[in-house]
Protein backbone atom coordinates (compact mmCIF):
# COMPACT_ATOMS: atom_id res chain seq x y z
CA MET A 1 -57.61 -59.79 -38.87
CA ARG A 2 -54.09 -58.57 -40.09
CA GLY A 3 -51.85 -56.24 -38.40
CA ARG A 4 -51.25 -53.02 -39.22
CA GLN A 5 -48.23 -52.62 -41.56
CA ARG A 6 -45.88 -49.97 -40.78
CA LYS A 7 -45.82 -47.19 -43.69
CA PRO A 8 -42.64 -47.63 -45.68
CA TRP A 9 -41.18 -43.95 -44.53
CA SER A 10 -41.54 -45.04 -41.24
CA THR A 11 -39.42 -48.27 -41.51
CA GLN A 12 -36.64 -46.24 -43.14
CA ALA A 13 -36.84 -43.43 -40.58
CA GLY A 14 -36.66 -46.24 -37.77
CA ARG A 15 -34.12 -47.79 -39.77
CA PHE A 16 -32.16 -44.60 -39.78
CA VAL A 17 -32.39 -43.83 -35.78
CA ARG A 18 -31.19 -46.90 -35.11
CA LEU A 19 -28.37 -46.63 -37.50
CA TRP A 20 -27.18 -43.07 -35.93
CA ARG A 21 -27.61 -44.43 -32.76
CA LEU A 22 -30.44 -42.20 -31.91
CA ASP A 23 -32.73 -44.19 -30.22
CA ARG A 24 -33.30 -44.59 -26.48
CA ASN A 25 -31.74 -48.45 -26.23
CA PRO A 26 -30.73 -48.62 -23.04
CA LEU A 27 -27.69 -50.94 -24.34
CA ARG A 28 -25.96 -48.12 -25.76
CA ARG A 29 -23.17 -47.00 -23.99
CA PRO A 30 -22.13 -43.19 -23.84
CA SER A 31 -19.17 -44.12 -26.32
CA ASP A 32 -21.85 -44.98 -28.63
CA ARG A 33 -23.85 -41.64 -28.40
CA VAL A 34 -20.44 -39.66 -28.26
CA GLU A 35 -19.09 -41.18 -31.72
CA THR A 36 -22.57 -40.55 -33.35
CA LEU A 37 -22.39 -36.46 -32.26
CA VAL A 38 -18.78 -36.59 -33.00
CA LEU A 39 -19.54 -38.21 -36.59
CA MET A 40 -22.58 -35.36 -37.10
CA LEU A 41 -20.17 -32.55 -36.33
CA LEU A 42 -17.44 -33.36 -38.62
CA VAL A 43 -20.48 -33.76 -41.38
CA THR A 44 -21.48 -30.30 -40.88
CA MET A 45 -17.96 -29.01 -40.32
CA PHE A 46 -17.33 -30.56 -43.96
CA LEU A 47 -20.77 -28.62 -45.13
CA VAL A 48 -19.54 -25.62 -44.01
CA ALA A 49 -15.97 -25.65 -44.74
CA ALA A 50 -15.88 -27.21 -48.03
CA PRO A 51 -17.99 -24.28 -49.91
CA LEU A 52 -15.48 -21.94 -48.32
CA ALA A 53 -12.33 -23.66 -48.97
CA GLY A 54 -12.81 -24.79 -52.44
CA PRO A 55 -13.22 -20.85 -53.45
CA ALA A 56 -10.46 -19.59 -51.07
CA ALA A 57 -7.77 -22.46 -52.70
CA GLY A 58 -8.71 -21.62 -56.39
CA GLY A 59 -8.63 -17.82 -55.78
CA TRP A 60 -4.96 -18.35 -54.19
CA ALA A 61 -4.02 -20.64 -57.58
CA ARG A 62 -5.68 -18.36 -59.64
CA ALA A 63 -3.45 -14.95 -58.46
CA THR A 64 -0.56 -17.28 -58.14
CA ALA A 65 -0.93 -18.34 -61.79
CA GLN A 66 -1.75 -15.08 -63.04
CA ARG A 67 1.19 -13.18 -61.77
CA ALA A 68 3.32 -16.72 -62.76
CA GLU A 69 1.98 -15.65 -66.44
CA LEU A 70 2.57 -12.14 -66.23
CA ALA A 71 6.59 -12.68 -65.34
CA GLN A 72 7.01 -15.45 -68.06
CA GLN A 73 5.38 -13.57 -70.63
CA ALA A 74 7.53 -10.50 -70.11
CA SER A 75 10.54 -12.94 -69.53
CA ARG A 76 10.62 -15.11 -72.23
CA VAL A 77 10.16 -14.10 -76.06
CA GLN A 78 9.40 -16.31 -78.97
CA VAL A 79 11.83 -16.50 -82.29
CA THR A 80 12.09 -18.25 -85.13
CA ALA A 81 14.95 -21.58 -85.09
CA VAL A 82 16.64 -23.09 -88.35
CA VAL A 83 16.54 -27.18 -87.79
CA VAL A 84 20.01 -28.09 -88.15
CA SER A 85 19.85 -31.71 -87.63
CA THR A 86 17.66 -34.93 -88.78
CA PRO A 87 14.85 -35.21 -86.02
CA THR A 88 15.27 -38.36 -83.87
CA ALA A 89 12.00 -40.91 -84.13
CA PRO A 90 8.61 -39.49 -83.00
CA VAL A 91 7.93 -39.96 -79.58
CA VAL A 92 4.32 -39.77 -77.64
CA ALA A 93 4.84 -35.76 -75.71
CA GLN A 94 1.59 -34.21 -74.48
CA GLY A 95 -0.81 -36.12 -76.17
CA ALA A 96 0.69 -35.98 -79.77
CA PHE A 97 3.52 -37.26 -81.40
CA VAL A 98 6.48 -35.24 -81.33
CA SER A 99 10.72 -35.42 -82.62
CA THR A 100 13.30 -33.45 -81.48
CA ALA A 101 16.06 -31.87 -83.64
CA GLU A 102 18.74 -29.56 -83.30
CA ALA A 103 17.77 -26.30 -83.75
CA ARG A 104 19.95 -22.72 -84.44
CA TRP A 105 18.43 -19.30 -83.81
CA THR A 106 19.70 -15.70 -83.05
CA ALA A 107 19.63 -14.35 -79.52
CA PRO A 108 17.72 -10.78 -79.12
CA ASP A 109 21.63 -9.89 -78.28
CA GLY A 110 22.78 -11.10 -81.59
CA THR A 111 24.02 -14.36 -80.17
CA VAL A 112 23.47 -17.49 -82.01
CA VAL A 113 22.53 -20.47 -80.08
CA THR A 114 22.12 -23.99 -81.08
CA ALA A 115 20.29 -26.52 -79.02
CA MET A 116 17.91 -29.72 -78.97
CA GLU A 117 14.21 -28.70 -79.46
CA THR A 118 10.80 -30.56 -80.08
CA VAL A 119 9.95 -30.02 -83.47
CA PRO A 120 6.35 -31.62 -85.28
CA VAL A 121 6.85 -35.15 -86.48
CA ARG A 122 8.22 -35.04 -90.15
CA THR A 123 9.99 -31.77 -89.73
CA SER A 124 13.25 -31.61 -92.37
CA VAL A 125 16.43 -30.14 -91.80
CA GLY A 126 16.53 -26.40 -93.32
CA ALA A 127 13.13 -25.77 -91.92
CA ARG A 128 11.93 -22.76 -89.64
CA VAL A 129 10.25 -23.10 -86.43
CA PRO A 130 9.17 -20.56 -83.24
CA VAL A 131 10.71 -21.62 -80.63
CA TRP A 132 10.60 -19.87 -77.14
CA THR A 133 13.69 -18.79 -75.05
CA THR A 134 14.38 -16.13 -72.46
CA ARG A 135 15.51 -12.94 -72.71
CA ASP A 136 18.93 -13.95 -72.82
CA GLY A 137 18.12 -16.54 -76.02
CA GLN A 138 18.19 -19.53 -73.72
CA PRO A 139 16.16 -22.51 -74.18
CA SER A 140 12.58 -21.98 -72.37
CA SER A 141 9.13 -23.34 -72.19
CA GLU A 142 5.90 -21.44 -73.41
CA PRO A 143 4.52 -19.16 -70.99
CA LEU A 144 1.22 -20.32 -69.17
CA ASN A 145 -1.96 -18.84 -70.94
CA ALA A 146 -5.23 -18.32 -69.75
CA SER A 147 -6.35 -21.59 -70.01
CA GLN A 148 -3.67 -22.97 -67.93
CA VAL A 149 -4.57 -20.37 -65.44
CA ALA A 150 -8.09 -21.74 -65.32
CA ALA A 151 -7.08 -25.49 -65.05
CA LEU A 152 -5.10 -24.74 -62.17
CA THR A 153 -7.86 -22.83 -60.56
CA VAL A 154 -10.15 -25.59 -60.93
CA LEU A 155 -7.48 -28.42 -59.68
CA ALA A 156 -6.77 -26.14 -56.57
CA LYS A 157 -10.52 -25.65 -55.93
CA VAL A 158 -11.00 -29.65 -56.06
CA ALA A 159 -7.91 -30.05 -53.61
CA GLY A 160 -9.18 -27.35 -51.25
CA VAL A 161 -12.57 -29.38 -50.92
CA THR A 162 -10.08 -33.20 -50.82
CA GLY A 163 -7.82 -31.55 -48.18
CA VAL A 164 -10.59 -30.91 -45.93
CA ALA A 165 -12.34 -33.99 -46.52
CA MET A 166 -8.78 -35.86 -45.52
CA VAL A 167 -8.65 -33.44 -42.37
CA LEU A 168 -12.00 -34.26 -41.20
CA THR A 169 -11.65 -37.95 -41.72
CA LEU A 170 -8.48 -38.11 -40.20
CA ALA A 171 -10.04 -36.69 -37.01
CA GLY A 172 -13.01 -38.97 -37.22
CA VAL A 173 -10.73 -42.13 -37.34
CA ILE A 174 -8.65 -41.00 -34.52
CA ALA A 175 -11.99 -40.17 -32.67
CA ARG A 176 -13.40 -43.54 -33.39
CA TRP A 177 -9.71 -45.60 -32.38
CA SER A 178 -9.83 -43.46 -29.03
CA LEU A 179 -13.71 -44.43 -28.55
CA ASN A 180 -13.11 -47.75 -29.52
CA ARG A 181 -10.27 -48.34 -26.56
CA ARG A 182 -12.44 -47.23 -23.87
CA ARG A 183 -15.14 -49.21 -25.31
CA LEU A 184 -12.79 -52.63 -24.94
CA ALA A 185 -11.51 -51.00 -21.46
CA GLY A 186 -15.30 -51.17 -20.55
CA TRP A 187 -15.97 -54.41 -21.76
CA ASP A 188 -12.77 -55.79 -19.90
CA ALA A 189 -14.05 -54.18 -16.63
CA ASP A 190 -17.30 -55.43 -16.88
CA TRP A 191 -16.06 -59.11 -17.84
CA GLN A 192 -14.12 -58.58 -14.77
CA THR A 193 -16.96 -58.00 -12.61
CA THR A 194 -19.35 -60.71 -14.35
CA GLY A 195 -17.16 -63.34 -15.40
CA PRO A 196 -16.29 -64.73 -12.05
CA ARG A 197 -19.96 -65.41 -11.88
CA TRP A 198 -19.73 -67.76 -14.45
CA THR A 199 -17.03 -69.65 -13.71
CA THR A 200 -17.29 -72.95 -11.72
CA ARG A 201 -14.87 -73.50 -8.95
CA ALA A 202 -13.73 -76.93 -8.25
């Protein structure tokens, strides 16, 4: 008569218990159980902190980016420049082929400014292109827009969760390193006690 076969779920549950050292195995050292408790605590902390860290980091990044967006929009203007030199050979920038050329424009105070600017490929001399400048007419980058603010917010959320995971992982590594040192010390002490019994004296 065949013996009773264990149900798959009971076998898996047993493996889970042994893996996490939750059984009553008398060979388990206290440090083994402490390591399990530390790991469970770190996992619990991640599950609690991650949903809070992500939105918190995202909210801070969104508020910061929105303030920068408003400040940049208030301090920068778009003017029309005239290309006055032959554009350079096309290069890849921001996922598209662009060229650079010397362009000239008039600042809000009437000053004529000439500087190198990024222009579309195949732009000819004399073409008019829009450029962003500061209030005094100096070259500047385009102000932040809503899509960039949203992207920074998502990036900050991911960074917040990643930061929590990294801190807790580091704590786990340090805890395990400390417990391993205690285990090695315990094994050495045990060997000092039992080793002489196995040694044959001449």
